[in-house]
Amino acid sequence: MASVVKEKRNALGQVTFCKYHKYWVRFEYDERGNKTYYENSDGEWAKWEYDANGIETYYENSHGVIYDKRGQTKTDARS
């Protein structure tokens, strides 16, 4: 991978923005430090949601992939 030209981090030390020579990526996190959003300069993106225990309950990306575990009990949630 190309070397980093610019990088930003949040108070928890997590990367929130990274720029390479012709490419960039951006991340967002919730108050618990869970990654909630990603996007890049090619237009790709992904988003995540978590329950009160920090367990991932929803994932979706720009390629149409969706994993939705919201509203499921622990016994019927699938990985």
C-alpha atoms as a PDB file:
ATOM      1  CA  MET A   1       0.000   0.000   0.000  1.00  0.00           C
ATOM      2  CA  ALA A   2       1.117   3.561  -0.666  1.00  0.00           C
ATOM      3  CA  SER A   3       2.654   5.593   2.118  1.00  0.00           C
ATOM      4  CA  VAL A   4       0.410   7.839   4.193  1.00  0.00           C
ATOM      5  CA  VAL A   5       0.545  11.532   3.339  1.00  0.00           C
ATOM      6  CA  LYS A   6      -1.883  12.740   6.034  1.00  0.00           C
ATOM      7  CA  GLU A   7      -3.563  11.031   8.978  1.00  0.00           C
ATOM      8  CA  LYS A   8      -6.036  12.213  11.635  1.00  0.00           C
ATOM      9  CA  ARG A   9      -6.961  10.386  14.834  1.00  0.00           C
ATOM     10  CA  ASN A  10      -9.671  10.868  17.437  1.00  0.00           C
ATOM     11  CA  ALA A  11      -9.182  11.133  21.210  1.00  0.00           C
ATOM     12  CA  LEU A  12      -9.134   7.319  21.466  1.00  0.00           C
ATOM     13  CA  GLY A  13      -6.289   7.104  18.959  1.00  0.00           C
ATOM     14  CA  GLN A  14      -8.462   5.625  16.217  1.00  0.00           C
ATOM     15  CA  VAL A  15      -7.789   6.708  12.642  1.00  0.00           C
ATOM     16  CA  THR A  16     -10.583   8.978  11.387  1.00  0.00           C
ATOM     17  CA  PHE A  17      -8.993  10.074   8.121  1.00  0.00           C
ATOM     18  CA  CYS A  18      -6.075   8.872   6.079  1.00  0.00           C
ATOM     19  CA  LYS A  19      -4.839  10.347   2.819  1.00  0.00           C
ATOM     20  CA  TYR A  20      -2.472   8.651   0.463  1.00  0.00           C
ATOM     21  CA  HIS A  21      -1.164  10.299  -2.711  1.00  0.00           C
ATOM     22  CA  LYS A  22      -4.320   9.795  -4.809  1.00  0.00           C
ATOM     23  CA  TYR A  23      -6.611   7.999  -2.378  1.00  0.00           C
ATOM     24  CA  TRP A  24      -8.279   8.698   0.977  1.00  0.00           C
ATOM     25  CA  VAL A  25     -10.328   6.817   3.575  1.00  0.00           C
ATOM     26  CA  ARG A  26     -12.533   8.158   6.361  1.00  0.00           C
ATOM     27  CA  PHE A  27     -13.903   6.441   9.471  1.00  0.00           C
ATOM     28  CA  GLU A  28     -16.475   7.367  12.113  1.00  0.00           C
ATOM     29  CA  TYR A  29     -16.898   5.741  15.532  1.00  0.00           C
ATOM     30  CA  ASP A  30     -19.562   5.795  18.237  1.00  0.00           C
ATOM     31  CA  GLU A  31     -18.934   6.896  21.826  1.00  0.00           C
ATOM     32  CA  ARG A  32     -17.808   3.350  22.717  1.00  0.00           C
ATOM     33  CA  GLY A  33     -15.172   3.251  19.988  1.00  0.00           C
ATOM     34  CA  ASN A  34     -17.108   0.967  17.632  1.00  0.00           C
ATOM     35  CA  LYS A  35     -16.592   1.716  13.946  1.00  0.00           C
ATOM     36  CA  THR A  36     -19.882   3.057  12.544  1.00  0.00           C
ATOM     37  CA  TYR A  37     -18.959   4.363   9.097  1.00  0.00           C
ATOM     38  CA  TYR A  38     -16.287   3.989   6.445  1.00  0.00           C
ATOM     39  CA  GLU A  39     -15.897   5.596   3.056  1.00  0.00           C
ATOM     40  CA  ASN A  40     -13.144   6.049   0.527  1.00  0.00           C
ATOM     41  CA  SER A  41     -12.342   8.256  -2.432  1.00  0.00           C
ATOM     42  CA  ASP A  42     -13.572   5.563  -4.847  1.00  0.00           C
ATOM     43  CA  GLY A  43     -17.103   6.008  -3.464  1.00  0.00           C
ATOM     44  CA  GLU A  44     -17.174   2.785  -1.477  1.00  0.00           C
ATOM     45  CA  TRP A  45     -18.756   2.948   1.970  1.00  0.00           C
ATOM     46  CA  ALA A  46     -19.918   0.741   4.811  1.00  0.00           C
ATOM     47  CA  LYS A  47     -21.907   1.335   7.979  1.00  0.00           C
ATOM     48  CA  TRP A  48     -22.329  -0.598  11.200  1.00  0.00           C
ATOM     49  CA  GLU A  49     -24.800  -0.505  14.111  1.00  0.00           C
ATOM     50  CA  TYR A  50     -24.384  -2.059  17.549  1.00  0.00           C
ATOM     51  CA  ASP A  51     -26.646  -2.945  20.464  1.00  0.00           C
ATOM     52  CA  ALA A  52     -26.227  -1.639  24.022  1.00  0.00           C
ATOM     53  CA  ASN A  53     -23.635  -4.376  24.677  1.00  0.00           C
ATOM     54  CA  GLY A  54     -21.478  -3.394  21.701  1.00  0.00           C
ATOM     55  CA  ILE A  55     -22.518  -6.413  19.619  1.00  0.00           C
ATOM     56  CA  GLU A  56     -22.807  -5.697  15.898  1.00  0.00           C
ATOM     57  CA  THR A  57     -26.475  -5.815  14.879  1.00  0.00           C
ATOM     58  CA  TYR A  58     -26.371  -4.280  11.395  1.00  0.00           C
ATOM     59  CA  TYR A  59     -23.899  -3.993   8.531  1.00  0.00           C
ATOM     60  CA  GLU A  60     -24.406  -2.559   5.067  1.00  0.00           C
ATOM     61  CA  ASN A  61     -22.006  -1.580   2.293  1.00  0.00           C
ATOM     62  CA  SER A  62     -22.015   0.126  -1.077  1.00  0.00           C
ATOM     63  CA  HIS A  63     -21.853  -3.223  -2.872  1.00  0.00           C
ATOM     64  CA  GLY A  64     -25.323  -4.129  -1.610  1.00  0.00           C
ATOM     65  CA  VAL A  65     -24.252  -6.502   1.168  1.00  0.00           C
ATOM     66  CA  ILE A  66     -26.532  -6.268   4.218  1.00  0.00           C
ATOM     67  CA  TYR A  67     -26.421  -8.243   7.464  1.00  0.00           C
ATOM     68  CA  ASP A  68     -29.356  -7.302   9.680  1.00  0.00           C
ATOM     69  CA  LYS A  69     -29.586  -8.864  13.144  1.00  0.00           C
ATOM     70  CA  ARG A  70     -31.696  -6.080  14.702  1.00  0.00           C
ATOM     71  CA  GLY A  71     -34.689  -7.348  16.602  1.00  0.00           C
ATOM     72  CA  GLN A  72     -33.389 -10.905  16.830  1.00  0.00           C
ATOM     73  CA  THR A  73     -32.894 -12.584  20.159  1.00  0.00           C
ATOM     74  CA  LYS A  74     -29.468 -13.899  21.050  1.00  0.00           C
ATOM     75  CA  THR A  75     -30.541 -17.488  20.363  1.00  0.00           C
ATOM     76  CA  ASP A  76     -31.678 -16.875  16.785  1.00  0.00           C
ATOM     77  CA  ALA A  77     -29.047 -14.316  15.713  1.00  0.00           C
ATOM     78  CA  ARG A  78     -26.754 -15.657  13.030  1.00  0.00           C
ATOM     79  CA  SER A  79     -23.082 -14.787  12.526  1.00  0.00           C
END
